[in-house]
Amino acid sequence: MVTLSDDEVVLIRSLLTALRAIKVREIDKALVILSKGERGTSC
C-alpha cells in the first residue's frame, strides 16, 4: 500500500474534482445537442 502525504492527497482530490467538472460539462453539452436534435425531428 502507498502512503501519501497531505499535500499529495490535496493534489489528487483537486485533480479528480477538476476531471469530474469537465466530464459533467461535456455530458451537459451532449444532452443539449441531443435535445435540440429531437425537437428538430419531431416538428
PDB file of N, CA and C in Angstrom:
ATOM      1  N   MET A   1       0.844  -1.185   0.000  1.00  0.00           N
ATOM      2  CA  MET A   1       0.000   0.000   0.000  1.00  0.00           C
ATOM      3  C   MET A   1       0.889   1.248   0.000  1.00  0.00           C
ATOM      4  N   VAL A   2       0.416   2.267  -0.719  1.00  0.00           N
ATOM      5  CA  VAL A   2       1.186   3.502  -0.847  1.00  0.00           C
ATOM      6  C   VAL A   2       0.708   4.502   0.196  1.00  0.00           C
ATOM      7  N   THR A   3       1.638   5.157   0.837  1.00  0.00           N
ATOM      8  CA  THR A   3       1.305   6.197   1.809  1.00  0.00           C
ATOM      9  C   THR A   3       1.497   7.557   1.145  1.00  0.00           C
ATOM     10  N   LEU A   4       0.458   8.380   1.220  1.00  0.00           N
ATOM     11  CA  LEU A   4       0.508   9.704   0.602  1.00  0.00           C
ATOM     12  C   LEU A   4       0.621  10.784   1.664  1.00  0.00           C
ATOM     13  N   SER A   5       1.344  11.831   1.320  1.00  0.00           N
ATOM     14  CA  SER A   5       1.419  12.981   2.226  1.00  0.00           C
ATOM     15  C   SER A   5       0.134  13.797   2.099  1.00  0.00           C
ATOM     16  N   ASP A   6      -0.090  14.691   3.032  1.00  0.00           N
ATOM     17  CA  ASP A   6      -1.282  15.542   2.981  1.00  0.00           C
ATOM     18  C   ASP A   6      -1.323  16.367   1.694  1.00  0.00           C
ATOM     19  N   ASP A   7      -0.168  16.873   1.265  1.00  0.00           N
ATOM     20  CA  ASP A   7      -0.108  17.661   0.034  1.00  0.00           C
ATOM     21  C   ASP A   7      -0.515  16.818  -1.178  1.00  0.00           C
ATOM     22  N   GLU A   8      -0.063  15.586  -1.218  1.00  0.00           N
ATOM     23  CA  GLU A   8      -0.406  14.708  -2.344  1.00  0.00           C
ATOM     24  C   GLU A   8      -1.895  14.385  -2.359  1.00  0.00           C
ATOM     25  N   VAL A   9      -2.467  14.179  -1.194  1.00  0.00           N
ATOM     26  CA  VAL A   9      -3.907  13.908  -1.110  1.00  0.00           C
ATOM     27  C   VAL A   9      -4.701  15.102  -1.629  1.00  0.00           C
ATOM     28  N   VAL A  10      -4.310  16.297  -1.238  1.00  0.00           N
ATOM     29  CA  VAL A  10      -4.997  17.511  -1.691  1.00  0.00           C
ATOM     30  C   VAL A  10      -4.881  17.651  -3.207  1.00  0.00           C
ATOM     31  N   LEU A  11      -3.704  17.387  -3.741  1.00  0.00           N
ATOM     32  CA  LEU A  11      -3.493  17.490  -5.181  1.00  0.00           C
ATOM     33  C   LEU A  11      -4.356  16.487  -5.942  1.00  0.00           C
ATOM     34  N   ILE A  12      -4.369  15.250  -5.492  1.00  0.00           N
ATOM     35  CA  ILE A  12      -5.174  14.219  -6.158  1.00  0.00           C
ATOM     36  C   ILE A  12      -6.654  14.564  -6.080  1.00  0.00           C
ATOM     37  N   ARG A  13      -7.090  15.030  -4.929  1.00  0.00           N
ATOM     38  CA  ARG A  13      -8.506  15.397  -4.774  1.00  0.00           C
ATOM     39  C   ARG A  13      -8.876  16.536  -5.724  1.00  0.00           C
ATOM     40  N   SER A  14      -8.012  17.539  -5.844  1.00  0.00           N
ATOM     41  CA  SER A  14      -8.315  18.663  -6.732  1.00  0.00           C
ATOM     42  C   SER A  14      -8.317  18.232  -8.193  1.00  0.00           C
ATOM     43  N   LEU A  15      -7.406  17.325  -8.559  1.00  0.00           N
ATOM     44  CA  LEU A  15      -7.399  16.814  -9.934  1.00  0.00           C
ATOM     45  C   LEU A  15      -8.670  16.042 -10.244  1.00  0.00           C
ATOM     46  N   LEU A  16      -9.099  15.191  -9.322  1.00  0.00           N
ATOM     47  CA  LEU A  16     -10.325  14.418  -9.537  1.00  0.00           C
ATOM     48  C   LEU A  16     -11.540  15.334  -9.631  1.00  0.00           C
ATOM     49  N   THR A  17     -11.569  16.359  -8.816  1.00  0.00           N
ATOM     50  CA  THR A  17     -12.680  17.321  -8.863  1.00  0.00           C
ATOM     51  C   THR A  17     -12.707  18.034 -10.214  1.00  0.00           C
ATOM     52  N   ALA A  18     -11.536  18.435 -10.701  1.00  0.00           N
ATOM     53  CA  ALA A  18     -11.462  19.109 -12.000  1.00  0.00           C
ATOM     54  C   ALA A  18     -11.908  18.183 -13.116  1.00  0.00           C
ATOM     55  N   LEU A  19     -11.481  16.928 -13.078  1.00  0.00           N
ATOM     56  CA  LEU A  19     -11.895  15.962 -14.099  1.00  0.00           C
ATOM     57  C   LEU A  19     -13.398  15.750 -14.074  1.00  0.00           C
ATOM     58  N   ARG A  20     -13.964  15.655 -12.885  1.00  0.00           N
ATOM     59  CA  ARG A  20     -15.409  15.458 -12.773  1.00  0.00           C
ATOM     60  C   ARG A  20     -16.153  16.645 -13.368  1.00  0.00           C
ATOM     61  N   ALA A  21     -15.672  17.854 -13.112  1.00  0.00           N
ATOM     62  CA  ALA A  21     -16.309  19.057 -13.646  1.00  0.00           C
ATOM     63  C   ALA A  21     -16.272  19.050 -15.170  1.00  0.00           C
ATOM     64  N   ILE A  22     -15.146  18.641 -15.756  1.00  0.00           N
ATOM     65  CA  ILE A  22     -15.028  18.581 -17.212  1.00  0.00           C
ATOM     66  C   ILE A  22     -16.020  17.573 -17.772  1.00  0.00           C
ATOM     67  N   LYS A  23     -16.076  16.397 -17.183  1.00  0.00           N
ATOM     68  CA  LYS A  23     -16.985  15.361 -17.662  1.00  0.00           C
ATOM     69  C   LYS A  23     -18.428  15.831 -17.592  1.00  0.00           C
ATOM     70  N   VAL A  24     -18.825  16.438 -16.486  1.00  0.00           N
ATOM     71  CA  VAL A  24     -20.201  16.898 -16.331  1.00  0.00           C
ATOM     72  C   VAL A  24     -20.528  17.934 -17.398  1.00  0.00           C
ATOM     73  N   ARG A  25     -19.607  18.848 -17.645  1.00  0.00           N
ATOM     74  CA  ARG A  25     -19.829  19.880 -18.655  1.00  0.00           C
ATOM     75  C   ARG A  25     -20.008  19.254 -20.034  1.00  0.00           C
ATOM     76  N   GLU A  26     -19.165  18.273 -20.368  1.00  0.00           N
ATOM     77  CA  GLU A  26     -19.254  17.626 -21.671  1.00  0.00           C
ATOM     78  C   GLU A  26     -20.571  16.855 -21.806  1.00  0.00           C
ATOM     79  N   ILE A  27     -20.987  16.194 -20.729  1.00  0.00           N
ATOM     80  CA  ILE A  27     -22.252  15.457 -20.752  1.00  0.00           C
ATOM     81  C   ILE A  27     -23.408  16.426 -20.936  1.00  0.00           C
ATOM     82  N   ASP A  28     -23.374  17.561 -20.245  1.00  0.00           N
ATOM     83  CA  ASP A  28     -24.430  18.565 -20.399  1.00  0.00           C
ATOM     84  C   ASP A  28     -24.499  19.070 -21.834  1.00  0.00           C
ATOM     85  N   LYS A  29     -23.344  19.315 -22.447  1.00  0.00           N
ATOM     86  CA  LYS A  29     -23.326  19.768 -23.842  1.00  0.00           C
ATOM     87  C   LYS A  29     -23.963  18.724 -24.756  1.00  0.00           C
ATOM     88  N   ALA A  30     -23.603  17.469 -24.545  1.00  0.00           N
ATOM     89  CA  ALA A  30     -24.147  16.387 -25.378  1.00  0.00           C
ATOM     90  C   ALA A  30     -25.658  16.297 -25.214  1.00  0.00           C
ATOM     91  N   LEU A  31     -26.148  16.433 -23.990  1.00  0.00           N
ATOM     92  CA  LEU A  31     -27.598  16.370 -23.763  1.00  0.00           C
ATOM     93  C   LEU A  31     -28.316  17.521 -24.448  1.00  0.00           C
ATOM     94  N   VAL A  32     -27.721  18.702 -24.426  1.00  0.00           N
ATOM     95  CA  VAL A  32     -28.330  19.850 -25.096  1.00  0.00           C
ATOM     96  C   VAL A  32     -28.398  19.610 -26.598  1.00  0.00           C
ATOM     97  N   ILE A  33     -27.312  19.104 -27.164  1.00  0.00           N
ATOM     98  CA  ILE A  33     -27.281  18.830 -28.601  1.00  0.00           C
ATOM     99  C   ILE A  33     -28.328  17.780 -28.961  1.00  0.00           C
ATOM    100  N   LEU A  34     -28.418  16.720 -28.158  1.00  0.00           N
ATOM    101  CA  LEU A  34     -29.404  15.673 -28.425  1.00  0.00           C
ATOM    102  C   LEU A  34     -30.826  16.207 -28.312  1.00  0.00           C
ATOM    103  N   SER A  35     -31.082  17.026 -27.303  1.00  0.00           N
ATOM    104  CA  SER A  35     -32.445  17.541 -27.140  1.00  0.00           C
ATOM    105  C   SER A  35     -32.811  18.474 -28.290  1.00  0.00           C
ATOM    106  N   LYS A  36     -31.844  19.245 -28.805  1.00  0.00           N
ATOM    107  CA  LYS A  36     -32.107  20.092 -29.978  1.00  0.00           C
ATOM    108  C   LYS A  36     -32.424  19.221 -31.177  1.00  0.00           C
ATOM    109  N   GLY A  37     -31.705  18.140 -31.347  1.00  0.00           N
ATOM    110  CA  GLY A  37     -31.943  17.222 -32.462  1.00  0.00           C
ATOM    111  C   GLY A  37     -33.320  16.590 -32.399  1.00  0.00           C
ATOM    112  N   GLU A  38     -33.744  16.206 -31.200  1.00  0.00           N
ATOM    113  CA  GLU A  38     -35.059  15.595 -31.036  1.00  0.00           C
ATOM    114  C   GLU A  38     -36.161  16.592 -31.362  1.00  0.00           C
ATOM    115  N   ARG A  39     -35.993  17.831 -30.920  1.00  0.00           N
ATOM    116  CA  ARG A  39     -37.008  18.852 -31.210  1.00  0.00           C
ATOM    117  C   ARG A  39     -37.098  19.111 -32.709  1.00  0.00           C
ATOM    118  N   GLY A  40     -35.969  19.090 -33.385  1.00  0.00           N
ATOM    119  CA  GLY A  40     -35.960  19.339 -34.822  1.00  0.00           C
ATOM    120  C   GLY A  40     -36.670  18.267 -35.616  1.00  0.00           C
ATOM    121  N   THR A  41     -36.556  17.014 -35.199  1.00  0.00           N
ATOM    122  CA  THR A  41     -37.178  15.926 -35.957  1.00  0.00           C
ATOM    123  C   THR A  41     -38.636  15.760 -35.632  1.00  0.00           C
ATOM    124  N   SER A  42     -39.080  16.178 -34.440  1.00  0.00           N
ATOM    125  CA  SER A  42     -40.459  15.953 -34.047  1.00  0.00           C
ATOM    126  C   SER A  42     -41.410  17.018 -34.611  1.00  0.00           C
ATOM    127  N   CYS A  43     -40.879  18.151 -35.058  1.00  0.00           N
ATOM    128  CA  CYS A  43     -41.725  19.237 -35.567  1.00  0.00           C
ATOM    129  C   CYS A  43     -42.093  19.036 -37.016  1.00  0.00           C
TER     130      CYS A  43
END
